[in-house]
Amino acid sequence: MEKTELHIEWERRIEDYESSGYTQATWCSINKVNVNQLKYWIRKIKGPKRNRSTKSKFTPVVVTEPPANESMEIKIGQASVGIRPGFDPAFLADIVRTLKTLC
């Protein structure tokens, strides 16, 4: 069975999406593609998620102890968050999760 031009085009788009580093939503917005179409073609071409080998993307983290009574800065992508002694760890975790989805 030969691949149709549409199938070949979606293989190219999926390769472009995967190499972009963007989230599906961001890539689709930039490329004016419906995110549900992208998801459909990924499943059609690559099969169910559980059968695919996935590449994990890790962000290197360096943990250092800040001097007492001083603030620290956390950078995620182009964003930075200032942290002072007595901060709320749960609130910081929410901020980090939000920034990770945007970067």
Foldseek 3Di string as FASTA:
>chain_A
DDDDPVLVVLVVLLVVVVVVPADLVVSCVVVVHDSVVNVVSCCVPVNDPVPDDDDDDDDDDDDDDDDPQDWDWDDDPNDIDIGGPPDDVVVVVVVVVVSVNVD
